[in-house]
Amino acid sequence: PKGTLLTEAIRLLPDLVRLLRRLAADRTLPRAVRVRLGLQMFY
């Protein structure tokens, strides 16, 4: 990432972590999606 893309990504980090946690906990999403999100958070 160059210039403002990197600063935007850093600024969004707290909201992004909450988004990933909320999506992984949503039982209405397909199991495969929740597994991907869980593996991503683990990584």
All heavy atoms as atom14 arrays in JSON, in Angstrom:
{
  "sequence": "PKGTLLTEAIRLLPDLVRLLRRLAADRTLPRAVRVRLGLQMFY",
  "atom14_mask": [
    [1, 1, 1, 1, 1, 1, 1, 0, 0, 0, 0, 0, 0, 0],
    [1, 1, 1, 1, 1, 1, 1, 1, 1, 0, 0, 0, 0, 0],
    [1, 1, 1, 1, 0, 0, 0, 0, 0, 0, 0, 0, 0, 0],
    [1, 1, 1, 1, 1, 1, 1, 0, 0, 0, 0, 0, 0, 0],
    [1, 1, 1, 1, 1, 1, 1, 1, 0, 0, 0, 0, 0, 0],
    [1, 1, 1, 1, 1, 1, 1, 1, 0, 0, 0, 0, 0, 0],
    [1, 1, 1, 1, 1, 1, 1, 0, 0, 0, 0, 0, 0, 0],
    [1, 1, 1, 1, 1, 1, 1, 1, 1, 0, 0, 0, 0, 0],
    [1, 1, 1, 1, 1, 0, 0, 0, 0, 0, 0, 0, 0, 0],
    [1, 1, 1, 1, 1, 1, 1, 1, 0, 0, 0, 0, 0, 0],
    [1, 1, 1, 1, 1, 1, 1, 1, 1, 1, 1, 0, 0, 0],
    [1, 1, 1, 1, 1, 1, 1, 1, 0, 0, 0, 0, 0, 0],
    [1, 1, 1, 1, 1, 1, 1, 1, 0, 0, 0, 0, 0, 0],
    [1, 1, 1, 1, 1, 1, 1, 0, 0, 0, 0, 0, 0, 0],
    [1, 1, 1, 1, 1, 1, 1, 1, 0, 0, 0, 0, 0, 0],
    [1, 1, 1, 1, 1, 1, 1, 1, 0, 0, 0, 0, 0, 0],
    [1, 1, 1, 1, 1, 1, 1, 0, 0, 0, 0, 0, 0, 0],
    [1, 1, 1, 1, 1, 1, 1, 1, 1, 1, 1, 0, 0, 0],
    [1, 1, 1, 1, 1, 1, 1, 1, 0, 0, 0, 0, 0, 0],
    [1, 1, 1, 1, 1, 1, 1, 1, 0, 0, 0, 0, 0, 0],
    [1, 1, 1, 1, 1, 1, 1, 1, 1, 1, 1, 0, 0, 0],
    [1, 1, 1, 1, 1, 1, 1, 1, 1, 1, 1, 0, 0, 0],
    [1, 1, 1, 1, 1, 1, 1, 1, 0, 0, 0, 0, 0, 0],
    [1, 1, 1, 1, 1, 0, 0, 0, 0, 0, 0, 0, 0, 0],
    [1, 1, 1, 1, 1, 0, 0, 0, 0, 0, 0, 0, 0, 0],
    [1, 1, 1, 1, 1, 1, 1, 1, 0, 0, 0, 0, 0, 0],
    [1, 1, 1, 1, 1, 1, 1, 1, 1, 1, 1, 0, 0, 0],
    [1, 1, 1, 1, 1, 1, 1, 0, 0, 0, 0, 0, 0, 0],
    [1, 1, 1, 1, 1, 1, 1, 1, 0, 0, 0, 0, 0, 0],
    [1, 1, 1, 1, 1, 1, 1, 0, 0, 0, 0, 0, 0, 0],
    [1, 1, 1, 1, 1, 1, 1, 1, 1, 1, 1, 0, 0, 0],
    [1, 1, 1, 1, 1, 0, 0, 0, 0, 0, 0, 0, 0, 0],
    [1, 1, 1, 1, 1, 1, 1, 0, 0, 0, 0, 0, 0, 0],
    [1, 1, 1, 1, 1, 1, 1, 1, 1, 1, 1, 0, 0, 0],
    [1, 1, 1, 1, 1, 1, 1, 0, 0, 0, 0, 0, 0, 0],
    [1, 1, 1, 1, 1, 1, 1, 1, 1, 1, 1, 0, 0, 0],
    [1, 1, 1, 1, 1, 1, 1, 1, 0, 0, 0, 0, 0, 0],
    [1, 1, 1, 1, 0, 0, 0, 0, 0, 0, 0, 0, 0, 0],
    [1, 1, 1, 1, 1, 1, 1, 1, 0, 0, 0, 0, 0, 0],
    [1, 1, 1, 1, 1, 1, 1, 1, 1, 0, 0, 0, 0, 0],
    [1, 1, 1, 1, 1, 1, 1, 1, 0, 0, 0, 0, 0, 0],
    [1, 1, 1, 1, 1, 1, 1, 1, 1, 1, 1, 0, 0, 0],
    [1, 1, 1, 1, 1, 1, 1, 1, 1, 1, 1, 1, 0, 0]
  ],
  "atom14_positions": [
    [[0.83, -1.2, 0.0], [0.0, 0.0, 0.0], [0.87, 1.25, 0.0], [1.92, 1.28, 0.62], [-0.79, -0.1, 1.3], [-0.47, -1.41, 1.9], [0.66, -2.01, 1.17], [0.0, 0.0, 0.0], [0.0, 0.0, 0.0], [0.0, 0.0, 0.0], [0.0, 0.0, 0.0], [0.0, 0.0, 0.0], [0.0, 0.0, 0.0], [0.0, 0.0, 0.0]],
    [[0.4, 2.26, -0.69], [1.16, 3.5, -0.8], [0.33, 4.66, -0.25], [-0.88, 4.68, -0.37], [1.51, 3.77, -2.26], [2.46, 2.75, -2.84], [2.62, 2.98, -4.33], [3.55, 1.97, -4.94], [3.06, 0.62, -4.96], [0.0, 0.0, 0.0], [0.0, 0.0, 0.0], [0.0, 0.0, 0.0], [0.0, 0.0, 0.0], [0.0, 0.0, 0.0]],
    [[0.99, 5.61, 0.35], [0.38, 6.86, 0.77], [-0.82, 6.71, 1.68], [-0.75, 6.11, 2.74], [0.0, 0.0, 0.0], [0.0, 0.0, 0.0], [0.0, 0.0, 0.0], [0.0, 0.0, 0.0], [0.0, 0.0, 0.0], [0.0, 0.0, 0.0], [0.0, 0.0, 0.0], [0.0, 0.0, 0.0], [0.0, 0.0, 0.0], [0.0, 0.0, 0.0]],
    [[-1.96, 7.25, 1.24], [-3.14, 7.3, 2.09], [-3.77, 5.93, 2.3], [-4.48, 5.74, 3.28], [-4.19, 8.25, 1.48], [-4.55, 7.78, 0.18], [-3.68, 9.66, 1.4], [0.0, 0.0, 0.0], [0.0, 0.0, 0.0], [0.0, 0.0, 0.0], [0.0, 0.0, 0.0], [0.0, 0.0, 0.0], [0.0, 0.0, 0.0], [0.0, 0.0, 0.0]],
    [[-3.53, 4.97, 1.4], [-4.08, 3.64, 1.61], [-3.58, 3.03, 2.91], [-4.33, 2.43, 3.66], [-3.74, 2.72, 0.44], [-4.56, 2.88, -0.82], [-4.07, 1.93, -1.89], [-6.02, 2.65, -0.54], [0.0, 0.0, 0.0], [0.0, 0.0, 0.0], [0.0, 0.0, 0.0], [0.0, 0.0, 0.0], [0.0, 0.0, 0.0], [0.0, 0.0, 0.0]],
    [[-2.3, 3.19, 3.19], [-1.73, 2.63, 4.41], [-2.3, 3.33, 5.64], [-2.66, 2.68, 6.62], [-0.21, 2.72, 4.38], [0.51, 2.08, 5.55], [0.19, 0.58, 5.62], [2.0, 2.28, 5.43], [0.0, 0.0, 0.0], [0.0, 0.0, 0.0], [0.0, 0.0, 0.0], [0.0, 0.0, 0.0], [0.0, 0.0, 0.0], [0.0, 0.0, 0.0]],
    [[-2.42, 4.65, 5.59], [-2.96, 5.36, 6.75], [-4.43, 5.02, 6.96], [-4.89, 4.92, 8.09], [-2.78, 6.89, 6.6], [-3.39, 7.32, 5.4], [-1.32, 7.26, 6.62], [0.0, 0.0, 0.0], [0.0, 0.0, 0.0], [0.0, 0.0, 0.0], [0.0, 0.0, 0.0], [0.0, 0.0, 0.0], [0.0, 0.0, 0.0], [0.0, 0.0, 0.0]],
    [[-5.2, 4.85, 5.87], [-6.6, 4.43, 6.01], [-6.7, 3.05, 6.63], [-7.53, 2.81, 7.5], [-7.31, 4.41, 4.64], [-7.77, 5.74, 4.16], [-8.56, 5.63, 2.86], [-8.58, 4.55, 2.24], [-9.16, 6.63, 2.47], [0.0, 0.0, 0.0], [0.0, 0.0, 0.0], [0.0, 0.0, 0.0], [0.0, 0.0, 0.0], [0.0, 0.0, 0.0]],
    [[-5.83, 2.15, 6.2], [-5.86, 0.79, 6.74], [-5.56, 0.78, 8.23], [-6.21, 0.08, 9.0], [-4.87, -0.09, 5.98], [0.0, 0.0, 0.0], [0.0, 0.0, 0.0], [0.0, 0.0, 0.0], [0.0, 0.0, 0.0], [0.0, 0.0, 0.0], [0.0, 0.0, 0.0], [0.0, 0.0, 0.0], [0.0, 0.0, 0.0], [0.0, 0.0, 0.0]],
    [[-4.59, 1.57, 8.66], [-4.24, 1.64, 10.08], [-5.38, 2.28, 10.88], [-5.71, 1.82, 11.97], [-2.91, 2.41, 10.26], [-1.77, 1.57, 9.68], [-2.66, 2.73, 11.72], [-0.46, 2.29, 9.59], [0.0, 0.0, 0.0], [0.0, 0.0, 0.0], [0.0, 0.0, 0.0], [0.0, 0.0, 0.0], [0.0, 0.0, 0.0], [0.0, 0.0, 0.0]],
    [[-6.01, 3.3, 10.33], [-7.11, 3.98, 11.01], [-8.31, 3.06, 11.19], [-9.04, 3.13, 12.18], [-7.51, 5.23, 10.23], [-8.58, 6.07, 10.87], [-8.87, 7.32, 10.06], [-9.21, 7.07, 8.68], [-10.44, 6.77, 8.25], [-11.43, 6.67, 9.1], [-10.67, 6.58, 6.97], [0.0, 0.0, 0.0], [0.0, 0.0, 0.0], [0.0, 0.0, 0.0]],
    [[-8.53, 2.15, 10.26], [-9.69, 1.25, 10.3], [-9.47, 0.02, 11.16], [-10.42, -0.73, 11.39], [-10.03, 0.8, 8.88], [-10.59, 1.85, 7.96], [-10.76, 1.27, 6.56], [-11.91, 2.38, 8.47], [0.0, 0.0, 0.0], [0.0, 0.0, 0.0], [0.0, 0.0, 0.0], [0.0, 0.0, 0.0], [0.0, 0.0, 0.0], [0.0, 0.0, 0.0]],
    [[-8.27, -0.21, 11.62], [-7.95, -1.46, 12.31], [-8.88, -1.79, 13.48], [-9.39, -2.91, 13.54], [-6.49, -1.46, 12.76], [-5.97, -2.75, 13.34], [-6.09, -3.88, 12.33], [-4.54, -2.59, 13.8], [0.0, 0.0, 0.0], [0.0, 0.0, 0.0], [0.0, 0.0, 0.0], [0.0, 0.0, 0.0], [0.0, 0.0, 0.0], [0.0, 0.0, 0.0]],
    [[-9.17, -0.88, 14.42], [-10.06, -1.26, 15.54], [-11.46, -1.66, 15.06], [-12.02, -2.65, 15.55], [-10.12, 0.0, 16.41], [-8.92, 0.8, 16.03], [-8.62, 0.46, 14.6], [0.0, 0.0, 0.0], [0.0, 0.0, 0.0], [0.0, 0.0, 0.0], [0.0, 0.0, 0.0], [0.0, 0.0, 0.0], [0.0, 0.0, 0.0], [0.0, 0.0, 0.0]],
    [[-12.02, -0.91, 14.12], [-13.35, -1.26, 13.6], [-13.3, -2.58, 12.83], [-14.24, -3.37, 12.88], [-13.88, -0.16, 12.68], [-14.26, 1.09, 13.45], [-14.58, 0.98, 14.64], [-14.25, 2.18, 12.84], [0.0, 0.0, 0.0], [0.0, 0.0, 0.0], [0.0, 0.0, 0.0], [0.0, 0.0, 0.0], [0.0, 0.0, 0.0], [0.0, 0.0, 0.0]],
    [[-12.22, -2.83, 12.14], [-12.08, -4.06, 11.37], [-12.02, -5.29, 12.28], [-12.64, -6.31, 12.0], [-10.83, -3.99, 10.49], [-10.6, -5.15, 9.56], [-11.76, -5.31, 8.59], [-9.3, -4.97, 8.82], [0.0, 0.0, 0.0], [0.0, 0.0, 0.0], [0.0, 0.0, 0.0], [0.0, 0.0, 0.0], [0.0, 0.0, 0.0], [0.0, 0.0, 0.0]],
    [[-11.31, -5.18, 13.39], [-11.25, -6.29, 14.34], [-12.64, -6.59, 14.9], [-13.05, -7.76, 15.0], [-10.24, -5.98, 15.47], [-10.32, -7.01, 16.59], [-8.82, -5.93, 14.91], [0.0, 0.0, 0.0], [0.0, 0.0, 0.0], [0.0, 0.0, 0.0], [0.0, 0.0, 0.0], [0.0, 0.0, 0.0], [0.0, 0.0, 0.0], [0.0, 0.0, 0.0]],
    [[-13.4, -5.55, 15.26], [-14.77, -5.76, 15.75], [-15.65, -6.36, 14.67], [-16.48, -7.23, 14.95], [-15.35, -4.44, 16.25], [-14.81, -4.03, 17.6], [-15.55, -2.84, 18.11], [-15.28, -1.72, 17.2], [-14.8, -0.55, 17.57], [-14.59, -0.3, 18.83], [-14.55, 0.38, 16.71], [0.0, 0.0, 0.0], [0.0, 0.0, 0.0], [0.0, 0.0, 0.0]],
    [[-15.47, -5.93, 13.42], [-16.25, -6.48, 12.31], [-15.99, -7.97, 12.15], [-16.93, -8.77, 12.03], [-15.91, -5.75, 11.01], [-16.49, -6.37, 9.73], [-18.0, -6.18, 9.69], [-15.83, -5.76, 8.51], [0.0, 0.0, 0.0], [0.0, 0.0, 0.0], [0.0, 0.0, 0.0], [0.0, 0.0, 0.0], [0.0, 0.0, 0.0], [0.0, 0.0, 0.0]],
    [[-14.73, -8.37, 12.16], [-14.39, -9.78, 12.0], [-14.97, -10.62, 13.12], [-15.5, -11.71, 12.89], [-12.88, -9.95, 11.93], [-12.18, -9.3, 10.74], [-10.68, -9.45, 10.86], [-12.69, -9.85, 9.44], [0.0, 0.0, 0.0], [0.0, 0.0, 0.0], [0.0, 0.0, 0.0], [0.0, 0.0, 0.0], [0.0, 0.0, 0.0], [0.0, 0.0, 0.0]],
    [[-14.9, -10.12, 14.35], [-15.46, -10.85, 15.49], [-16.96, -10.99, 15.37], [-17.53, -12.07, 15.59], [-15.09, -10.14, 16.8], [-15.53, -10.88, 18.04], [-15.14, -10.16, 19.32], [-15.38, -8.74, 19.32], [-16.56, -8.17, 19.6], [-17.6, -8.91, 19.87], [-16.68, -6.87, 19.61], [0.0, 0.0, 0.0], [0.0, 0.0, 0.0], [0.0, 0.0, 0.0]],
    [[-17.64, -9.94, 14.98], [-19.1, -9.98, 14.83], [-19.52, -10.92, 13.7], [-20.49, -11.66, 13.84], [-19.64, -8.57, 14.55], [-19.59, -7.66, 15.75], [-20.08, -6.29, 15.38], [-20.03, -5.39, 16.52], [-20.4, -4.13, 16.48], [-20.87, -3.61, 15.35], [-20.32, -3.38, 17.55], [0.0, 0.0, 0.0], [0.0, 0.0, 0.0], [0.0, 0.0, 0.0]],
    [[-18.81, -10.88, 12.59], [-19.14, -11.77, 11.48], [-18.92, -13.23, 11.85], [-19.73, -14.1, 11.52], [-18.32, -11.42, 10.24], [-18.71, -10.15, 9.49], [-17.66, -9.78, 8.46], [-20.07, -10.32, 8.83], [0.0, 0.0, 0.0], [0.0, 0.0, 0.0], [0.0, 0.0, 0.0], [0.0, 0.0, 0.0], [0.0, 0.0, 0.0], [0.0, 0.0, 0.0]],
    [[-17.83, -13.5, 12.57], [-17.53, -14.88, 12.96], [-18.57, -15.41, 13.95], [-18.84, -16.62, 13.98], [-16.13, -14.97, 13.56], [0.0, 0.0, 0.0], [0.0, 0.0, 0.0], [0.0, 0.0, 0.0], [0.0, 0.0, 0.0], [0.0, 0.0, 0.0], [0.0, 0.0, 0.0], [0.0, 0.0, 0.0], [0.0, 0.0, 0.0], [0.0, 0.0, 0.0]],
    [[-19.19, -14.55, 14.73], [-20.18, -14.98, 15.72], [-21.59, -15.06, 15.15], [-22.49, -15.58, 15.82], [-20.16, -14.02, 16.92], [0.0, 0.0, 0.0], [0.0, 0.0, 0.0], [0.0, 0.0, 0.0], [0.0, 0.0, 0.0], [0.0, 0.0, 0.0], [0.0, 0.0, 0.0], [0.0, 0.0, 0.0], [0.0, 0.0, 0.0], [0.0, 0.0, 0.0]],
    [[-21.81, -14.56, 13.94], [-23.14, -14.54, 13.34], [-23.51, -15.94, 12.84], [-22.98, -16.43, 11.86], [-23.16, -13.54, 12.18], [-24.54, -13.37, 11.58], [-25.48, -14.1, 11.98], [-24.69, -12.5, 10.7], [0.0, 0.0, 0.0], [0.0, 0.0, 0.0], [0.0, 0.0, 0.0], [0.0, 0.0, 0.0], [0.0, 0.0, 0.0], [0.0, 0.0, 0.0]],
    [[-24.47, -16.56, 13.51], [-24.88, -17.93, 13.17], [-25.7, -17.99, 11.88], [-25.95, -19.07, 11.36], [-25.69, -18.54, 14.31], [-24.91, -18.7, 15.57], [-24.06, -19.91, 15.47], [-23.36, -20.11, 16.72], [-22.35, -20.91, 16.83], [-21.92, -21.58, 15.79], [-21.75, -21.06, 17.98], [0.0, 0.0, 0.0], [0.0, 0.0, 0.0], [0.0, 0.0, 0.0]],
    [[-26.14, -16.84, 11.36], [-26.91, -16.86, 10.12], [-26.02, -16.98, 8.89], [-26.5, -17.32, 7.82], [-27.78, -15.59, 9.99], [-26.93, -14.43, 9.93], [-28.74, -15.47, 11.16], [0.0, 0.0, 0.0], [0.0, 0.0, 0.0], [0.0, 0.0, 0.0], [0.0, 0.0, 0.0], [0.0, 0.0, 0.0], [0.0, 0.0, 0.0], [0.0, 0.0, 0.0]],
    [[-24.73, -16.71, 9.05], [-23.79, -16.84, 7.94], [-23.45, -18.32, 7.74], [-23.48, -19.1, 8.69], [-22.51, -16.06, 8.22], [-22.64, -14.55, 8.28], [-21.31, -13.92, 8.6], [-23.19, -13.99, 7.0], [0.0, 0.0, 0.0], [0.0, 0.0, 0.0], [0.0, 0.0, 0.0], [0.0, 0.0, 0.0], [0.0, 0.0, 0.0], [0.0, 0.0, 0.0]],
    [[-23.12, -18.71, 6.51], [-22.74, -20.1, 6.27], [-21.53, -20.51, 7.12], [-20.66, -19.69, 7.42], [-22.38, -20.12, 4.78], [-23.06, -18.94, 4.2], [-23.14, -17.91, 5.29], [0.0, 0.0, 0.0], [0.0, 0.0, 0.0], [0.0, 0.0, 0.0], [0.0, 0.0, 0.0], [0.0, 0.0, 0.0], [0.0, 0.0, 0.0], [0.0, 0.0, 0.0]],
    [[-21.49, -21.77, 7.49], [-20.41, -22.29, 8.33], [-19.04, -22.06, 7.68], [-18.08, -21.71, 8.37], [-20.62, -23.76, 8.62], [-19.46, -24.35, 9.41], [-19.7, -25.77, 9.78], [-20.57, -25.73, 10.95], [-21.15, -26.77, 11.46], [-21.03, -27.94, 10.89], [-21.9, -26.67, 12.53], [0.0, 0.0, 0.0], [0.0, 0.0, 0.0], [0.0, 0.0, 0.0]],
    [[-18.94, -22.25, 6.38], [-17.65, -22.07, 5.7], [-17.14, -20.64, 5.87], [-15.93, -20.43, 6.04], [-17.79, -22.42, 4.22], [0.0, 0.0, 0.0], [0.0, 0.0, 0.0], [0.0, 0.0, 0.0], [0.0, 0.0, 0.0], [0.0, 0.0, 0.0], [0.0, 0.0, 0.0], [0.0, 0.0, 0.0], [0.0, 0.0, 0.0], [0.0, 0.0, 0.0]],
    [[-18.03, -19.67, 5.85], [-17.63, -18.27, 6.04], [-17.12, -18.07, 7.45], [-16.08, -17.44, 7.67], [-18.82, -17.33, 5.73], [-18.53, -15.91, 6.17], [-19.15, -17.37, 4.25], [0.0, 0.0, 0.0], [0.0, 0.0, 0.0], [0.0, 0.0, 0.0], [0.0, 0.0, 0.0], [0.0, 0.0, 0.0], [0.0, 0.0, 0.0], [0.0, 0.0, 0.0]],
    [[-17.83, -18.61, 8.43], [-17.41, -18.45, 9.83], [-16.08, -19.14, 10.09], [-15.25, -18.63, 10.85], [-18.5, -18.97, 10.77], [-19.78, -18.15, 10.7], [-20.75, -18.44, 11.81], [-20.84, -19.81, 12.24], [-21.75, -20.69, 11.81], [-22.66, -20.31, 10.94], [-21.76, -21.92, 12.27], [0.0, 0.0, 0.0], [0.0, 0.0, 0.0], [0.0, 0.0, 0.0]],
    [[-15.85, -20.29, 9.45], [-14.58, -20.98, 9.62], [-13.44, -20.14, 9.03], [-12.39, -20.0, 9.65], [-14.63, -22.39, 8.96], [-13.24, -23.0, 8.84], [-15.55, -23.3, 9.75], [0.0, 0.0, 0.0], [0.0, 0.0, 0.0], [0.0, 0.0, 0.0], [0.0, 0.0, 0.0], [0.0, 0.0, 0.0], [0.0, 0.0, 0.0], [0.0, 0.0, 0.0]],
    [[-13.65, -19.57, 7.85], [-12.63, -18.71, 7.25], [-12.3, -17.53, 8.16], [-11.13, -17.18, 8.34], [-13.1, -18.17, 5.9], [-12.99, -19.13, 4.79], [-13.36, -18.47, 3.47], [-13.85, -19.5, 2.58], [-15.04, -19.52, 2.03], [-15.87, -18.54, 2.22], [-15.39, -20.5, 1.25], [0.0, 0.0, 0.0], [0.0, 0.0, 0.0], [0.0, 0.0, 0.0]],
    [[-13.33, -16.92, 8.71], [-13.11, -15.78, 9.6], [-12.37, -16.2, 10.86], [-11.47, -15.49, 11.33], [-14.45, -15.13, 9.96], [-15.13, -14.39, 8.81], [-16.59, -14.14, 9.14], [-14.41, -13.09, 8.51], [0.0, 0.0, 0.0], [0.0, 0.0, 0.0], [0.0, 0.0, 0.0], [0.0, 0.0, 0.0], [0.0, 0.0, 0.0], [0.0, 0.0, 0.0]],
    [[-12.72, -17.35, 11.41], [-12.01, -17.85, 12.59], [-10.55, -18.14, 12.3], [-9.67, -17.8, 13.1], [0.0, 0.0, 0.0], [0.0, 0.0, 0.0], [0.0, 0.0, 0.0], [0.0, 0.0, 0.0], [0.0, 0.0, 0.0], [0.0, 0.0, 0.0], [0.0, 0.0, 0.0], [0.0, 0.0, 0.0], [0.0, 0.0, 0.0], [0.0, 0.0, 0.0]],
    [[-10.28, -18.77, 11.15], [-8.89, -19.04, 10.77], [-8.11, -17.75, 10.53], [-6.94, -17.64, 10.88], [-8.85, -19.92, 9.52], [-9.29, -21.37, 9.72], [-9.38, -22.08, 8.38], [-8.35, -22.09, 10.66], [0.0, 0.0, 0.0], [0.0, 0.0, 0.0], [0.0, 0.0, 0.0], [0.0, 0.0, 0.0], [0.0, 0.0, 0.0], [0.0, 0.0, 0.0]],
    [[-8.79, -16.76, 9.98], [-8.12, -15.48, 9.75], [-7.76, -14.83, 11.08], [-6.65, -14.33, 11.26], [-9.01, -14.55, 8.94], [-8.39, -13.19, 8.78], [-9.32, -12.2, 8.13], [-10.47, -12.5, 7.88], [-8.82, -11.04, 7.86], [0.0, 0.0, 0.0], [0.0, 0.0, 0.0], [0.0, 0.0, 0.0], [0.0, 0.0, 0.0], [0.0, 0.0, 0.0]],
    [[-8.7, -14.83, 12.02], [-8.4, -14.22, 13.33], [-7.29, -14.98, 14.04], [-6.44, -14.38, 14.7], [-9.67, -14.15, 14.17], [-10.64, -13.1, 13.66], [-12.05, -12.81, 14.73], [-12.89, -14.36, 14.66], [0.0, 0.0, 0.0], [0.0, 0.0, 0.0], [0.0, 0.0, 0.0], [0.0, 0.0, 0.0], [0.0, 0.0, 0.0], [0.0, 0.0, 0.0]],
    [[-7.27, -16.31, 13.89], [-6.19, -17.11, 14.47], [-4.86, -16.71, 13.86], [-3.87, -16.52, 14.57], [-6.47, -18.6, 14.24], [-5.39, -19.5, 14.74], [-5.2, -19.72, 16.09], [-4.54, -20.13, 13.84], [-4.19, -20.54, 16.55], [-3.52, -20.96, 14.29], [-3.35, -21.17, 15.65], [0.0, 0.0, 0.0], [0.0, 0.0, 0.0], [0.0, 0.0, 0.0]],
    [[-4.8, -16.57, 12.53], [-3.57, -16.18, 11.86], [-3.12, -14.79, 12.32], [-1.94, -14.56, 12.58], [-3.74, -16.19, 10.34], [-2.53, -15.65, 9.63], [-1.39, -16.42, 9.48], [-2.5, -14.35, 9.13], [-0.26, -15.93, 8.86], [-1.39, -13.84, 8.51], [-0.27, -14.64, 8.38], [0.85, -14.12, 7.76], [0.0, 0.0, 0.0], [0.0, 0.0, 0.0]]
  ]
}
